[in-house]
């Protein structure tokens, strides 16, 4: 185990209220399993009260992988912040395509509005619909993810859930718990390069993207780490 990690046997042992201001800048990531995080989701689901868990971290931290594993139990649904990317057409029109993925290239007002609707949703309210970001198209698609009022836990995944500028500061108070994933930069960047290669970039292009615009975004996200309730390295 690296010095940046420590074992946590029980994710449930610290509540969000206990931990809200307890993550210093240099806090070690807690080494946990997906099963331990699933147990936390099940515990929240058992309360019968709508809960929203935010999962954040820099590009390549494993947010989507962990979030998708957590919703497999059927007691939660996954809503991705990336569904609120501006479309490429708008990014090109505004000269922003080179910074795609930066905080100002998202419809933050639309995202906050969705979270407010999710918080207000009652079990008998039926469905509302969230957008989805298609990684193969590299574009958002509207009304793809149904969120039923009877689903007790909504897992929200994205880079800027804890960002405190440009309208993003409204997101934190809409989350019951915020988890920051921090596997270590070496692991994270290698994952990111591999992801870019899977979607058709050659090695050089993948490395340029991972250490270029992705790294600029990662620096912003890293600064939000102290705003999390818990910091995890998932094994």
C-alpha atoms as a PDB file:
ATOM      1  CA  UNK A   1       0.000   0.000   0.000  1.00  0.00           C
ATOM      2  CA  UNK A   2       1.343   3.430  -0.858  1.00  0.00           C
ATOM      3  CA  UNK A   3       1.757   6.197   1.683  1.00  0.00           C
ATOM      4  CA  UNK A   4      -1.121   8.005  -0.027  1.00  0.00           C
ATOM      5  CA  UNK A   5      -3.578   5.266   0.893  1.00  0.00           C
ATOM      6  CA  UNK A   6      -4.988   3.836   4.097  1.00  0.00           C
ATOM      7  CA  UNK A   7      -7.463   1.051   4.591  1.00  0.00           C
ATOM      8  CA  UNK A   8     -11.045   1.777   5.596  1.00  0.00           C
ATOM      9  CA  UNK A   9     -12.963  -1.302   6.768  1.00  0.00           C
ATOM     10  CA  UNK A  10     -16.319   0.391   7.034  1.00  0.00           C
ATOM     11  CA  UNK A  11     -17.541   3.134   4.710  1.00  0.00           C
ATOM     12  CA  UNK A  12     -20.698   3.471   6.801  1.00  0.00           C
ATOM     13  CA  UNK A  13     -18.804   4.398   9.967  1.00  0.00           C
ATOM     14  CA  UNK A  14     -18.453   8.092   9.072  1.00  0.00           C
ATOM     15  CA  UNK A  15     -21.522  10.043   8.043  1.00  0.00           C
ATOM     16  CA  UNK A  16     -21.563  12.931   5.602  1.00  0.00           C
ATOM     17  CA  UNK A  17     -22.304  15.342   8.439  1.00  0.00           C
ATOM     18  CA  UNK A  18     -19.287  14.056  10.410  1.00  0.00           C
ATOM     19  CA  UNK A  19     -16.944  14.353   7.442  1.00  0.00           C
ATOM     20  CA  UNK A  20     -18.235  17.508   5.726  1.00  0.00           C
ATOM     21  CA  UNK A  21     -15.269  19.659   6.751  1.00  0.00           C
ATOM     22  CA  UNK A  22     -12.849  16.876   7.678  1.00  0.00           C
ATOM     23  CA  UNK A  23     -10.876  16.382   4.449  1.00  0.00           C
ATOM     24  CA  UNK A  24      -7.657  18.438   4.529  1.00  0.00           C
ATOM     25  CA  UNK A  25      -5.731  19.101   1.320  1.00  0.00           C
ATOM     26  CA  UNK A  26      -3.173  16.382   2.053  1.00  0.00           C
ATOM     27  CA  UNK A  27      -5.594  13.775   3.412  1.00  0.00           C
ATOM     28  CA  UNK A  28      -4.730  10.246   2.366  1.00  0.00           C
ATOM     29  CA  UNK A  29      -7.177   8.442   0.113  1.00  0.00           C
ATOM     30  CA  UNK A  30      -9.069   5.667   1.878  1.00  0.00           C
ATOM     31  CA  UNK A  31      -8.515   2.333   0.155  1.00  0.00           C
ATOM     32  CA  UNK A  32     -11.944   0.721  -0.340  1.00  0.00           C
ATOM     33  CA  UNK A  33     -13.638  -1.947  -2.409  1.00  0.00           C
ATOM     34  CA  UNK A  34     -16.601  -1.475  -4.694  1.00  0.00           C
ATOM     35  CA  UNK A  35     -18.504  -3.855  -2.404  1.00  0.00           C
ATOM     36  CA  UNK A  36     -17.994  -1.489   0.539  1.00  0.00           C
ATOM     37  CA  UNK A  37     -19.352   1.407  -1.510  1.00  0.00           C
ATOM     38  CA  UNK A  38     -22.299  -0.724  -2.635  1.00  0.00           C
ATOM     39  CA  UNK A  39     -23.081  -1.409   1.015  1.00  0.00           C
ATOM     40  CA  UNK A  40     -23.171   2.337   1.683  1.00  0.00           C
ATOM     41  CA  UNK A  41     -25.572   2.855  -1.218  1.00  0.00           C
ATOM     42  CA  UNK A  42     -27.823   0.068   0.086  1.00  0.00           C
ATOM     43  CA  UNK A  43     -27.828   1.620   3.561  1.00  0.00           C
ATOM     44  CA  UNK A  44     -28.888   4.976   2.138  1.00  0.00           C
ATOM     45  CA  UNK A  45     -31.560   3.295   0.016  1.00  0.00           C
ATOM     46  CA  UNK A  46     -32.961   1.574   3.114  1.00  0.00           C
ATOM     47  CA  UNK A  47     -33.799   4.934   4.721  1.00  0.00           C
ATOM     48  CA  UNK A  48     -36.645   5.357   2.231  1.00  0.00           C
ATOM     49  CA  UNK A  49     -35.617   8.968   1.626  1.00  0.00           C
ATOM     50  CA  UNK A  50     -34.353  10.217  -1.742  1.00  0.00           C
ATOM     51  CA  UNK A  51     -30.578  10.567  -1.526  1.00  0.00           C
ATOM     52  CA  UNK A  52     -28.104  11.983  -4.037  1.00  0.00           C
ATOM     53  CA  UNK A  53     -24.499  10.780  -3.997  1.00  0.00           C
ATOM     54  CA  UNK A  54     -21.957  12.746  -6.017  1.00  0.00           C
ATOM     55  CA  UNK A  55     -18.880  10.970  -7.374  1.00  0.00           C
ATOM     56  CA  UNK A  56     -16.123  13.228  -8.640  1.00  0.00           C
ATOM     57  CA  UNK A  57     -12.408  13.232  -9.402  1.00  0.00           C
ATOM     58  CA  UNK A  58     -10.048  14.195 -12.194  1.00  0.00           C
ATOM     59  CA  UNK A  59     -10.297  12.642 -15.684  1.00  0.00           C
ATOM     60  CA  UNK A  60      -9.248   8.989 -15.495  1.00  0.00           C
ATOM     61  CA  UNK A  61     -10.001   8.636 -11.770  1.00  0.00           C
ATOM     62  CA  UNK A  62     -12.521   5.863 -12.444  1.00  0.00           C
ATOM     63  CA  UNK A  63     -15.728   7.781 -11.781  1.00  0.00           C
ATOM     64  CA  UNK A  64     -17.816   6.168 -14.510  1.00  0.00           C
ATOM     65  CA  UNK A  65     -16.522   2.661 -13.782  1.00  0.00           C
ATOM     66  CA  UNK A  66     -17.319   2.916 -10.078  1.00  0.00           C
ATOM     67  CA  UNK A  67     -20.673   4.622 -10.624  1.00  0.00           C
ATOM     68  CA  UNK A  68     -21.787   1.998 -13.145  1.00  0.00           C
ATOM     69  CA  UNK A  69     -20.804  -0.780 -10.731  1.00  0.00           C
ATOM     70  CA  UNK A  70     -22.842   0.810  -7.945  1.00  0.00           C
ATOM     71  CA  UNK A  71     -26.086   1.037  -9.916  1.00  0.00           C
ATOM     72  CA  UNK A  72     -25.958  -2.670 -10.787  1.00  0.00           C
ATOM     73  CA  UNK A  73     -27.833  -3.478  -7.556  1.00  0.00           C
ATOM     74  CA  UNK A  74     -30.990  -1.835  -8.870  1.00  0.00           C
ATOM     75  CA  UNK A  75     -31.542   0.485  -5.885  1.00  0.00           C
ATOM     76  CA  UNK A  76     -29.985   3.479  -7.635  1.00  0.00           C
ATOM     77  CA  UNK A  77     -29.794   5.196 -10.999  1.00  0.00           C
ATOM     78  CA  UNK A  78     -26.827   6.966 -12.598  1.00  0.00           C
ATOM     79  CA  UNK A  79     -27.007  10.519 -13.929  1.00  0.00           C
ATOM     80  CA  UNK A  80     -23.881  11.876 -15.614  1.00  0.00           C
ATOM     81  CA  UNK A  81     -22.886  15.529 -15.518  1.00  0.00           C
ATOM     82  CA  UNK A  82     -21.361  15.027 -18.982  1.00  0.00           C
ATOM     83  CA  UNK A  83     -24.848  14.975 -20.475  1.00  0.00           C
ATOM     84  CA  UNK A  84     -24.735  18.748 -20.030  1.00  0.00           C
ATOM     85  CA  UNK A  85     -21.722  19.263 -22.301  1.00  0.00           C
ATOM     86  CA  UNK A  86     -22.345  21.946 -24.896  1.00  0.00           C
ATOM     87  CA  UNK A  87     -22.714  20.295 -28.311  1.00  0.00           C
ATOM     88  CA  UNK A  88     -19.749  20.555 -30.685  1.00  0.00           C
ATOM     89  CA  UNK A  89     -21.740  22.826 -32.972  1.00  0.00           C
ATOM     90  CA  UNK A  90     -22.058  25.412 -30.202  1.00  0.00           C
ATOM     91  CA  UNK A  91     -18.459  24.967 -29.057  1.00  0.00           C
ATOM     92  CA  UNK A  92     -17.164  25.590 -32.582  1.00  0.00           C
ATOM     93  CA  UNK A  93     -19.451  28.596 -33.017  1.00  0.00           C
ATOM     94  CA  UNK A  94     -18.082  30.142 -29.820  1.00  0.00           C
ATOM     95  CA  UNK A  95     -14.452  29.184 -30.420  1.00  0.00           C
ATOM     96  CA  UNK A  96     -14.445  26.920 -27.373  1.00  0.00           C
ATOM     97  CA  UNK A  97     -13.845  23.504 -28.895  1.00  0.00           C
ATOM     98  CA  UNK A  98     -10.177  23.505 -27.878  1.00  0.00           C
ATOM     99  CA  UNK A  99     -11.270  23.740 -24.236  1.00  0.00           C
ATOM    100  CA  UNK A 100     -14.028  21.137 -24.436  1.00  0.00           C
ATOM    101  CA  UNK A 101     -14.502  19.685 -20.976  1.00  0.00           C
ATOM    102  CA  UNK A 102     -13.611  22.872 -19.087  1.00  0.00           C
ATOM    103  CA  UNK A 103     -16.229  24.177 -16.615  1.00  0.00           C
ATOM    104  CA  UNK A 104     -17.450  26.917 -18.968  1.00  0.00           C
ATOM    105  CA  UNK A 105     -18.232  24.391 -21.737  1.00  0.00           C
ATOM    106  CA  UNK A 106     -21.206  22.909 -19.860  1.00  0.00           C
ATOM    107  CA  UNK A 107     -24.805  24.010 -19.353  1.00  0.00           C
ATOM    108  CA  UNK A 108     -24.418  24.368 -15.597  1.00  0.00           C
ATOM    109  CA  UNK A 109     -27.847  26.010 -15.207  1.00  0.00           C
ATOM    110  CA  UNK A 110     -29.513  23.044 -16.876  1.00  0.00           C
ATOM    111  CA  UNK A 111     -27.567  20.616 -14.693  1.00  0.00           C
ATOM    112  CA  UNK A 112     -28.493  22.422 -11.476  1.00  0.00           C
ATOM    113  CA  UNK A 113     -32.134  22.545 -12.568  1.00  0.00           C
ATOM    114  CA  UNK A 114     -32.123  18.780 -13.073  1.00  0.00           C
ATOM    115  CA  UNK A 115     -30.604  18.174  -9.629  1.00  0.00           C
ATOM    116  CA  UNK A 116     -33.238  20.408  -8.038  1.00  0.00           C
ATOM    117  CA  UNK A 117     -35.973  18.401  -9.761  1.00  0.00           C
ATOM    118  CA  UNK A 118     -34.369  15.145  -8.612  1.00  0.00           C
ATOM    119  CA  UNK A 119     -34.253  16.397  -5.014  1.00  0.00           C
ATOM    120  CA  UNK A 120     -37.911  17.430  -5.115  1.00  0.00           C
ATOM    121  CA  UNK A 121     -39.105  14.196  -6.756  1.00  0.00           C
ATOM    122  CA  UNK A 122     -41.553  12.103  -4.712  1.00  0.00           C
ATOM    123  CA  UNK A 123     -41.930   8.301  -4.998  1.00  0.00           C
ATOM    124  CA  UNK A 124     -45.249   8.582  -6.845  1.00  0.00           C
ATOM    125  CA  UNK A 125     -44.145  11.360  -9.219  1.00  0.00           C
ATOM    126  CA  UNK A 126     -43.288   9.102 -12.143  1.00  0.00           C
ATOM    127  CA  UNK A 127     -40.248   9.688 -14.321  1.00  0.00           C
ATOM    128  CA  UNK A 128     -38.110  12.616 -15.306  1.00  0.00           C
ATOM    129  CA  UNK A 129     -35.434  12.333 -17.989  1.00  0.00           C
ATOM    130  CA  UNK A 130     -31.736  13.177 -17.918  1.00  0.00           C
ATOM    131  CA  UNK A 131     -29.389  13.550 -20.897  1.00  0.00           C
ATOM    132  CA  UNK A 132     -26.494  11.196 -21.629  1.00  0.00           C
ATOM    133  CA  UNK A 133     -23.047  11.832 -23.097  1.00  0.00           C
ATOM    134  CA  UNK A 134     -22.204   9.304 -25.808  1.00  0.00           C
ATOM    135  CA  UNK A 135     -18.408   8.777 -25.781  1.00  0.00           C
ATOM    136  CA  UNK A 136     -18.373   7.295 -29.279  1.00  0.00           C
ATOM    137  CA  UNK A 137     -20.198  10.274 -30.763  1.00  0.00           C
ATOM    138  CA  UNK A 138     -18.408  12.600 -28.318  1.00  0.00           C
ATOM    139  CA  UNK A 139     -21.731  14.433 -28.016  1.00  0.00           C
ATOM    140  CA  UNK A 140     -24.585  14.764 -25.483  1.00  0.00           C
ATOM    141  CA  UNK A 141     -27.972  13.199 -26.248  1.00  0.00           C
ATOM    142  CA  UNK A 142     -31.090  14.521 -24.531  1.00  0.00           C
ATOM    143  CA  UNK A 143     -33.749  12.620 -22.582  1.00  0.00           C
ATOM    144  CA  UNK A 144     -31.887   9.299 -22.474  1.00  0.00           C
ATOM    145  CA  UNK A 145     -31.872   8.400 -18.769  1.00  0.00           C
ATOM    146  CA  UNK A 146     -35.194   7.851 -16.958  1.00  0.00           C
ATOM    147  CA  UNK A 147     -35.180   8.709 -13.245  1.00  0.00           C
ATOM    148  CA  UNK A 148     -38.240   7.329 -11.467  1.00  0.00           C
ATOM    149  CA  UNK A 149     -39.413   8.889  -8.239  1.00  0.00           C
ATOM    150  CA  UNK A 150     -39.475   5.498  -6.543  1.00  0.00           C
ATOM    151  CA  UNK A 151     -35.713   4.964  -6.986  1.00  0.00           C
ATOM    152  CA  UNK A 152     -34.255   5.841  -3.572  1.00  0.00           C
ATOM    153  CA  UNK A 153     -30.673   6.760  -4.556  1.00  0.00           C
ATOM    154  CA  UNK A 154     -29.454   8.834  -7.490  1.00  0.00           C
ATOM    155  CA  UNK A 155     -25.736   8.669  -8.203  1.00  0.00           C
ATOM    156  CA  UNK A 156     -24.416  11.753  -9.978  1.00  0.00           C
ATOM    157  CA  UNK A 157     -21.004  11.492 -11.619  1.00  0.00           C
ATOM    158  CA  UNK A 158     -18.853  14.259 -13.051  1.00  0.00           C
ATOM    159  CA  UNK A 159     -15.739  16.391 -12.873  1.00  0.00           C
ATOM    160  CA  UNK A 160     -17.070  19.623 -11.425  1.00  0.00           C
ATOM    161  CA  UNK A 161     -19.515  18.619  -8.699  1.00  0.00           C
ATOM    162  CA  UNK A 162     -17.370  20.413  -6.098  1.00  0.00           C
ATOM    163  CA  UNK A 163     -16.215  23.340  -8.251  1.00  0.00           C
ATOM    164  CA  UNK A 164     -16.976  26.648  -6.545  1.00  0.00           C
ATOM    165  CA  UNK A 165     -17.168  29.126  -9.417  1.00  0.00           C
ATOM    166  CA  UNK A 166     -19.212  29.977 -12.502  1.00  0.00           C
ATOM    167  CA  UNK A 167     -22.503  28.645 -11.126  1.00  0.00           C
ATOM    168  CA  UNK A 168     -21.077  25.251 -10.106  1.00  0.00           C
ATOM    169  CA  UNK A 169     -21.038  26.309  -6.457  1.00  0.00           C
ATOM    170  CA  UNK A 170     -24.790  25.565  -6.367  1.00  0.00           C
ATOM    171  CA  UNK A 171     -24.206  21.843  -6.927  1.00  0.00           C
ATOM    172  CA  UNK A 172     -22.556  20.910  -3.606  1.00  0.00           C
ATOM    173  CA  UNK A 173     -25.586  21.702  -1.445  1.00  0.00           C
ATOM    174  CA  UNK A 174     -27.768  19.483  -3.637  1.00  0.00           C
ATOM    175  CA  UNK A 175     -25.654  16.409  -2.808  1.00  0.00           C
ATOM    176  CA  UNK A 176     -26.176  14.355   0.340  1.00  0.00           C
ATOM    177  CA  UNK A 177     -22.686  12.888   0.081  1.00  0.00           C
ATOM    178  CA  UNK A 178     -19.727  13.783  -2.144  1.00  0.00           C
ATOM    179  CA  UNK A 179     -17.025  11.198  -2.853  1.00  0.00           C
ATOM    180  CA  UNK A 180     -13.740  12.195  -4.494  1.00  0.00           C
ATOM    181  CA  UNK A 181     -11.884   9.380  -6.280  1.00  0.00           C
ATOM    182  CA  UNK A 182      -8.100   9.673  -6.165  1.00  0.00           C
ATOM    183  CA  UNK A 183      -6.221   6.600  -7.442  1.00  0.00           C
ATOM    184  CA  UNK A 184      -2.940   8.520  -7.771  1.00  0.00           C
ATOM    185  CA  UNK A 185      -1.835  10.518 -10.800  1.00  0.00           C
ATOM    186  CA  UNK A 186       0.283   7.807 -12.443  1.00  0.00           C
ATOM    187  CA  UNK A 187      -2.616   5.349 -12.468  1.00  0.00           C
ATOM    188  CA  UNK A 188      -5.086   8.032 -13.506  1.00  0.00           C
ATOM    189  CA  UNK A 189      -3.069   9.281 -16.498  1.00  0.00           C
ATOM    190  CA  UNK A 190      -2.379   5.760 -17.783  1.00  0.00           C
ATOM    191  CA  UNK A 191      -6.106   4.997 -17.622  1.00  0.00           C
ATOM    192  CA  UNK A 192      -6.823   8.208 -19.475  1.00  0.00           C
ATOM    193  CA  UNK A 193      -4.357   7.430 -22.253  1.00  0.00           C
ATOM    194  CA  UNK A 194      -5.846   3.941 -22.623  1.00  0.00           C
ATOM    195  CA  UNK A 195      -9.346   5.433 -22.832  1.00  0.00           C
ATOM    196  CA  UNK A 196      -8.367   7.828 -25.612  1.00  0.00           C
ATOM    197  CA  UNK A 197      -6.765   4.946 -27.511  1.00  0.00           C
ATOM    198  CA  UNK A 198      -9.968   2.894 -27.193  1.00  0.00           C
ATOM    199  CA  UNK A 199     -11.841   5.691 -28.916  1.00  0.00           C
ATOM    200  CA  UNK A 200      -9.532   5.800 -31.924  1.00  0.00           C
ATOM    201  CA  UNK A 201      -6.609   8.061 -31.050  1.00  0.00           C
ATOM    202  CA  UNK A 202      -3.086   6.788 -31.629  1.00  0.00           C
ATOM    203  CA  UNK A 203      -0.640   6.689 -28.712  1.00  0.00           C
ATOM    204  CA  UNK A 204       0.857  10.108 -29.416  1.00  0.00           C
ATOM    205  CA  UNK A 205      -2.552  11.770 -29.753  1.00  0.00           C
ATOM    206  CA  UNK A 206      -3.795  10.028 -26.608  1.00  0.00           C
ATOM    207  CA  UNK A 207      -0.799  11.219 -24.588  1.00  0.00           C
ATOM    208  CA  UNK A 208      -1.151  14.763 -25.927  1.00  0.00           C
ATOM    209  CA  UNK A 209      -4.812  14.892 -24.889  1.00  0.00           C
ATOM    210  CA  UNK A 210      -4.176  13.303 -21.477  1.00  0.00           C
ATOM    211  CA  UNK A 211      -1.314  15.648 -20.604  1.00  0.00           C
ATOM    212  CA  UNK A 212      -2.773  18.701 -22.346  1.00  0.00           C
ATOM    213  CA  UNK A 213      -6.393  19.828 -22.031  1.00  0.00           C
ATOM    214  CA  UNK A 214      -7.250  16.930 -19.706  1.00  0.00           C
ATOM    215  CA  UNK A 215      -4.449  17.932 -17.345  1.00  0.00           C
ATOM    216  CA  UNK A 216      -5.616  21.558 -17.272  1.00  0.00           C
ATOM    217  CA  UNK A 217      -9.037  20.306 -16.199  1.00  0.00           C
ATOM    218  CA  UNK A 218      -7.449  17.905 -13.692  1.00  0.00           C
ATOM    219  CA  UNK A 219      -5.681  20.780 -11.949  1.00  0.00           C
ATOM    220  CA  UNK A 220      -8.994  22.560 -11.435  1.00  0.00           C
ATOM    221  CA  UNK A 221     -10.651  19.414 -10.141  1.00  0.00           C
ATOM    222  CA  UNK A 222      -7.784  18.549  -7.795  1.00  0.00           C
ATOM    223  CA  UNK A 223      -8.341  21.876  -6.044  1.00  0.00           C
ATOM    224  CA  UNK A 224     -11.906  20.818  -5.153  1.00  0.00           C
ATOM    225  CA  UNK A 225     -10.765  17.696  -3.247  1.00  0.00           C
ATOM    226  CA  UNK A 226     -11.095  19.323   0.228  1.00  0.00           C
ATOM    227  CA  UNK A 227     -14.819  19.921  -0.411  1.00  0.00           C
ATOM    228  CA  UNK A 228     -15.549  16.173  -0.510  1.00  0.00           C
ATOM    229  CA  UNK A 229     -17.019  14.179   2.355  1.00  0.00           C
ATOM    230  CA  UNK A 230     -14.703  11.234   1.627  1.00  0.00           C
ATOM    231  CA  UNK A 231     -11.651  10.629  -0.576  1.00  0.00           C
ATOM    232  CA  UNK A 232     -11.370   7.084  -1.922  1.00  0.00           C
ATOM    233  CA  UNK A 233      -8.933   4.946  -3.875  1.00  0.00           C
ATOM    234  CA  UNK A 234     -11.050   2.053  -5.135  1.00  0.00           C
ATOM    235  CA  UNK A 235      -9.328  -1.300  -5.506  1.00  0.00           C
END
